[in-house]
Amino acid sequence: MPCTRSRLPADRRGASEVVGGAERQHAERDGLRARRLCEHARDLVVRETRSQDSARAAACEVDAHVMGDASRASPRVLPPAPMETRLGATRQRWSTPKGSLSLWKPARGIFVSRAEGHVDLVLADHIVSGGDAVIAADGRILAFHNFERLTSYDSAARMRLTTWAIAIRNEVDRAHFLAESKIVRMGLSVASIALLGMLVSHHDRESFERALFAAIDERRAPGPR
């Protein structure tokens, strides 16, 4: 019995030492984990800060490039003005359920039309009467027909315009056409055979408008004609 009583305190001390060692190990592991989490959080903050700084720097570079110095800035290229803007607001306009027609006389002897959608005999007659009015006023006619958005026409309208063109061909300087539709282009090709080269076909708007406004500028320029 005396020996047993002497061993119990030693066992208790050993157990306490084991428990204390385990607690210290857990504390060390928790401390290490906490330090690693802190380091990771610090790294994230540093990376985020650098990313924001880089974004701000890039934005500043873009702003400097866009705004620039006035002496180094490239000239701004504006889109071409619509044909209607340069021709002016004075025009005649008609519309049907399927199409529309606008007519201008921007300078002496110059007749401009723009047809969209479908041209029937009613709209064709307006083209004829508008062209006849130019010839009656100025003696001759230089025509520019913007049929870029024209998609179809009645056969009666085609015959009306072709017959009229043949009747006035001695008073016509040239008739310029801009067309996209294959049907419209085919009709113009057939008409050009009878009109002996009077028609000038344009395949892009730039070419058509360049010829149109060059003619307008020439007719509007001061001096004898």
Foldseek 3Di string as FASTA:
>chain_A
DVVVVVVVVVVVVVVVVVVVVVVVVVVVVVVVVVVVVVVVVVVVVVVVVVVVVVVVVVVVVVVCLVVDDPVPDDDDDDDDDDPDVVQDDDWDKDADPFKIKIWGDSFQQEIEMEIAGEEEQVNLVVSLVRNVVSCVVRVAHEYEYEDARYAYYDPVSLVSNLVSCLVCLVRYPAHEYEYDYPVVVVSVVVSCVSSVNRYHYDDDPVVRVVVVVVVSCVRPDDDDD
